[in-house]
Amino acid sequence: MNTKTKDMLLIALFAALTAVGAFIRIPVPFIPFTLQFFFCAFAGLLLGAKAGMLSQLLYVAVGLAGIPVFTQGGGIGYVMQPSFGYLLGLIPAAYAIGAVIERQKKPTYFGISVSVLTGLIILYLIGVPYLYAIYNFILKDAKSIQWAVKVGFLTFIGGDIVKTVIVSFLAYRVMPIIKGQYGSD
């Protein structure tokens, strides 16, 4: 199988895994706790910056096209959901995770964790302001920035740190096997 075909298949696979992650969720008020970021992080770590980003872009595009791959469905109207900023954040988060890991000659557990945390920070930097903006300007339900930080960040950071530890550990164990088996093609 040539590299381009393999890359396309892996991009599609990680888009599908992220969709599956949307349905593995713990319901909490305002924004559901899901495993989307878990698979986004793996995409960045295992596919690299460009392909990882493309997998998340494909995921978001499929959802916006109307395929119900988001936690509450799909379609272009989903951009009005307060949680949509986190979906948008998956795209640059995967890129950043891949970019940080690509700079490491031999990734360590710490280096992998730094990569994932970089992506997580980007996810929150996009998701929290989007949450605030939708509530205040679209839904006309006045909320403070402190509320948005509490609901969109503080509620989830503990679980996201746990996901970061798990994905970093798994990637640390899997990456040498994948790199050894497939090389850098």
Protein backbone atom coordinates (compact mmCIF):
# COMPACT_ATOMS: atom_id res chain seq x y z
CA MET A 1 0.00 0.00 0.00
CA ASN A 2 1.46 3.35 -0.94
CA THR A 3 2.01 6.06 1.65
CA LYS A 4 -0.73 8.35 0.35
CA THR A 5 -3.38 5.61 0.53
CA LYS A 6 -2.18 4.57 3.99
CA ASP A 7 -2.34 8.19 5.19
CA MET A 8 -5.88 8.61 3.84
CA LEU A 9 -6.99 5.42 5.58
CA LEU A 10 -5.42 6.48 8.88
CA ILE A 11 -6.98 9.95 8.64
CA ALA A 12 -10.40 8.37 8.06
CA LEU A 13 -9.82 5.86 10.87
CA PHE A 14 -9.01 8.56 13.42
CA ALA A 15 -11.96 10.67 12.27
CA ALA A 16 -14.16 7.61 12.89
CA LEU A 17 -12.54 6.96 16.28
CA THR A 18 -13.21 10.56 17.30
CA ALA A 19 -16.85 10.07 16.28
CA VAL A 20 -16.99 6.94 18.45
CA GLY A 21 -15.46 8.98 21.27
CA ALA A 22 -18.41 11.39 21.04
CA PHE A 23 -20.74 8.59 22.08
CA ILE A 24 -18.60 7.36 24.96
CA ARG A 25 -19.71 10.05 27.36
CA ILE A 26 -20.58 10.92 30.90
CA PRO A 27 -23.48 13.37 31.00
CA VAL A 28 -22.83 16.54 32.96
CA PRO A 29 -24.68 19.87 32.65
CA PHE A 30 -23.95 22.19 29.71
CA ILE A 31 -21.15 20.21 27.97
CA PRO A 32 -20.97 16.40 27.96
CA PHE A 33 -17.73 14.71 29.07
CA THR A 34 -16.59 12.58 26.10
CA LEU A 35 -13.56 10.76 24.70
CA GLN A 36 -13.25 12.93 21.58
CA PHE A 37 -10.10 14.63 22.84
CA PHE A 38 -8.65 11.23 23.76
CA PHE A 39 -8.77 10.15 20.09
CA CYS A 40 -7.77 13.62 18.87
CA ALA A 41 -4.62 13.34 20.99
CA PHE A 42 -3.86 9.89 19.59
CA ALA A 43 -4.34 11.26 16.07
CA GLY A 44 -1.77 13.99 16.67
CA LEU A 45 0.67 11.64 18.39
CA LEU A 46 0.46 8.74 15.95
CA LEU A 47 -0.27 10.50 12.66
CA GLY A 48 1.69 13.69 13.16
CA ALA A 49 0.67 17.32 12.83
CA LYS A 50 -0.75 17.43 9.31
CA ALA A 51 -2.53 14.06 9.17
CA GLY A 52 -3.73 14.39 12.77
CA MET A 53 -5.22 17.78 11.97
CA LEU A 54 -6.82 16.44 8.78
CA SER A 55 -8.45 13.60 10.72
CA GLN A 56 -10.12 16.09 13.05
CA LEU A 57 -11.04 18.41 10.18
CA LEU A 58 -12.68 15.44 8.45
CA TYR A 59 -14.56 14.57 11.65
CA VAL A 60 -15.92 18.11 12.04
CA ALA A 61 -16.75 18.39 8.32
CA VAL A 62 -18.67 15.09 8.35
CA GLY A 63 -20.66 16.29 11.37
CA LEU A 64 -21.41 19.67 9.81
CA ALA A 65 -22.51 17.89 6.63
CA GLY A 66 -25.32 16.34 8.66
CA ILE A 67 -23.99 12.95 9.71
CA PRO A 68 -24.87 12.65 13.43
CA VAL A 69 -21.31 12.12 14.72
CA PHE A 70 -21.40 14.83 17.39
CA THR A 71 -22.71 14.15 20.90
CA GLN A 72 -26.08 15.70 20.07
CA GLY A 73 -26.35 14.99 16.35
CA GLY A 74 -24.90 16.91 13.43
CA GLY A 75 -25.65 19.46 10.73
CA ILE A 76 -24.58 23.02 10.02
CA GLY A 77 -26.83 24.32 12.80
CA TYR A 78 -24.48 22.65 15.28
CA VAL A 79 -22.27 25.74 15.06
CA MET A 80 -24.83 27.37 17.37
CA GLN A 81 -24.28 24.76 20.08
CA PRO A 82 -22.30 26.15 23.03
CA SER A 83 -19.97 23.11 22.84
CA PHE A 84 -19.10 23.56 19.16
CA GLY A 85 -15.99 25.57 20.02
CA TYR A 86 -14.47 22.44 21.52
CA LEU A 87 -15.10 20.59 18.26
CA LEU A 88 -13.36 23.38 16.36
CA GLY A 89 -10.56 23.22 18.91
CA LEU A 90 -9.89 19.57 18.08
CA ILE A 91 -8.45 20.62 14.72
CA PRO A 92 -5.59 22.89 15.91
CA ALA A 93 -5.17 20.73 19.03
CA ALA A 94 -4.33 17.67 16.93
CA TYR A 95 -1.97 19.76 14.82
CA ALA A 96 -0.19 21.17 17.88
CA ILE A 97 0.14 17.75 19.51
CA GLY A 98 1.65 16.37 16.31
CA ALA A 99 3.93 19.37 15.83
CA VAL A 100 5.32 19.13 19.37
CA ILE A 101 5.86 15.37 19.16
CA GLU A 102 7.50 15.63 15.71
CA ARG A 103 10.22 17.86 17.23
CA GLN A 104 11.21 15.11 19.65
CA LYS A 105 13.88 12.69 18.40
CA LYS A 106 12.90 9.94 20.82
CA PRO A 107 9.66 10.84 22.63
CA THR A 108 9.67 10.29 26.37
CA TYR A 109 6.59 9.93 28.54
CA PHE A 110 7.16 13.51 29.71
CA GLY A 111 7.55 14.78 26.14
CA ILE A 112 4.39 13.01 25.05
CA SER A 113 2.51 14.46 28.03
CA VAL A 114 3.73 17.96 27.14
CA SER A 115 2.46 17.42 23.57
CA VAL A 116 -0.97 16.36 24.77
CA LEU A 117 -1.20 19.17 27.33
CA THR A 118 -0.32 21.67 24.59
CA GLY A 119 -3.27 20.41 22.56
CA LEU A 120 -5.52 20.48 25.61
CA ILE A 121 -4.64 24.12 26.30
CA ILE A 122 -5.51 25.01 22.70
CA LEU A 123 -8.79 23.12 23.00
CA TYR A 124 -9.77 25.16 26.05
CA LEU A 125 -8.55 28.45 24.54
CA ILE A 126 -11.04 27.95 21.72
CA GLY A 127 -13.83 26.12 23.56
CA VAL A 128 -14.29 28.36 26.59
CA PRO A 129 -14.58 31.70 24.70
CA TYR A 130 -16.92 30.03 22.18
CA LEU A 131 -19.11 28.77 25.04
CA TYR A 132 -19.20 32.27 26.49
CA ALA A 133 -19.97 33.89 23.13
CA ILE A 134 -22.81 31.53 22.22
CA TYR A 135 -24.51 31.96 25.59
CA ASN A 136 -24.15 35.74 25.60
CA PHE A 137 -24.61 36.72 21.95
CA ILE A 138 -26.65 33.95 20.33
CA LEU A 139 -28.75 32.47 23.13
CA LYS A 140 -29.02 35.90 24.84
CA ASP A 141 -28.49 34.19 28.19
CA ALA A 142 -26.04 36.52 29.94
CA LYS A 143 -23.18 34.59 31.53
CA SER A 144 -19.94 35.91 32.97
CA ILE A 145 -16.51 34.87 31.76
CA GLN A 146 -15.99 33.37 35.22
CA TRP A 147 -19.07 31.20 34.65
CA ALA A 148 -17.68 30.08 31.28
CA VAL A 149 -14.33 29.20 32.87
CA LYS A 150 -16.05 27.29 35.67
CA VAL A 151 -18.46 25.39 33.40
CA GLY A 152 -16.21 24.99 30.37
CA PHE A 153 -12.83 24.47 32.01
CA LEU A 154 -12.86 23.73 35.74
CA THR A 155 -15.62 21.12 35.41
CA PHE A 156 -13.57 19.11 32.90
CA ILE A 157 -9.90 19.73 33.59
CA GLY A 158 -9.63 16.90 36.13
CA GLY A 159 -11.02 14.32 33.72
CA ASP A 160 -8.93 15.75 30.88
CA ILE A 161 -5.78 15.43 32.98
CA VAL A 162 -6.68 11.78 33.61
CA LYS A 163 -7.20 11.30 29.85
CA THR A 164 -3.84 13.00 29.24
CA VAL A 165 -2.07 10.61 31.62
CA ILE A 166 -3.74 7.57 30.00
CA VAL A 167 -3.20 8.62 26.38
CA SER A 168 0.41 9.58 27.16
CA PHE A 169 1.09 6.22 28.79
CA LEU A 170 -0.54 4.28 25.93
CA ALA A 171 1.24 6.33 23.28
CA TYR A 172 4.57 5.91 25.07
CA ARG A 173 4.09 2.13 24.88
CA VAL A 174 2.68 2.02 21.33
CA MET A 175 4.75 4.63 19.47
CA PRO A 176 8.05 2.66 19.51
CA ILE A 177 6.25 -0.41 18.16
CA ILE A 178 4.56 1.56 15.38
CA LYS A 179 7.72 3.45 14.45
CA GLY A 180 9.75 0.22 14.52
CA GLN A 181 7.28 -1.67 12.38
CA TYR A 182 6.45 1.03 9.85
CA GLY A 183 9.51 3.26 10.01
CA SER A 184 8.99 6.90 9.16
CA ASP A 185 7.19 6.47 5.84
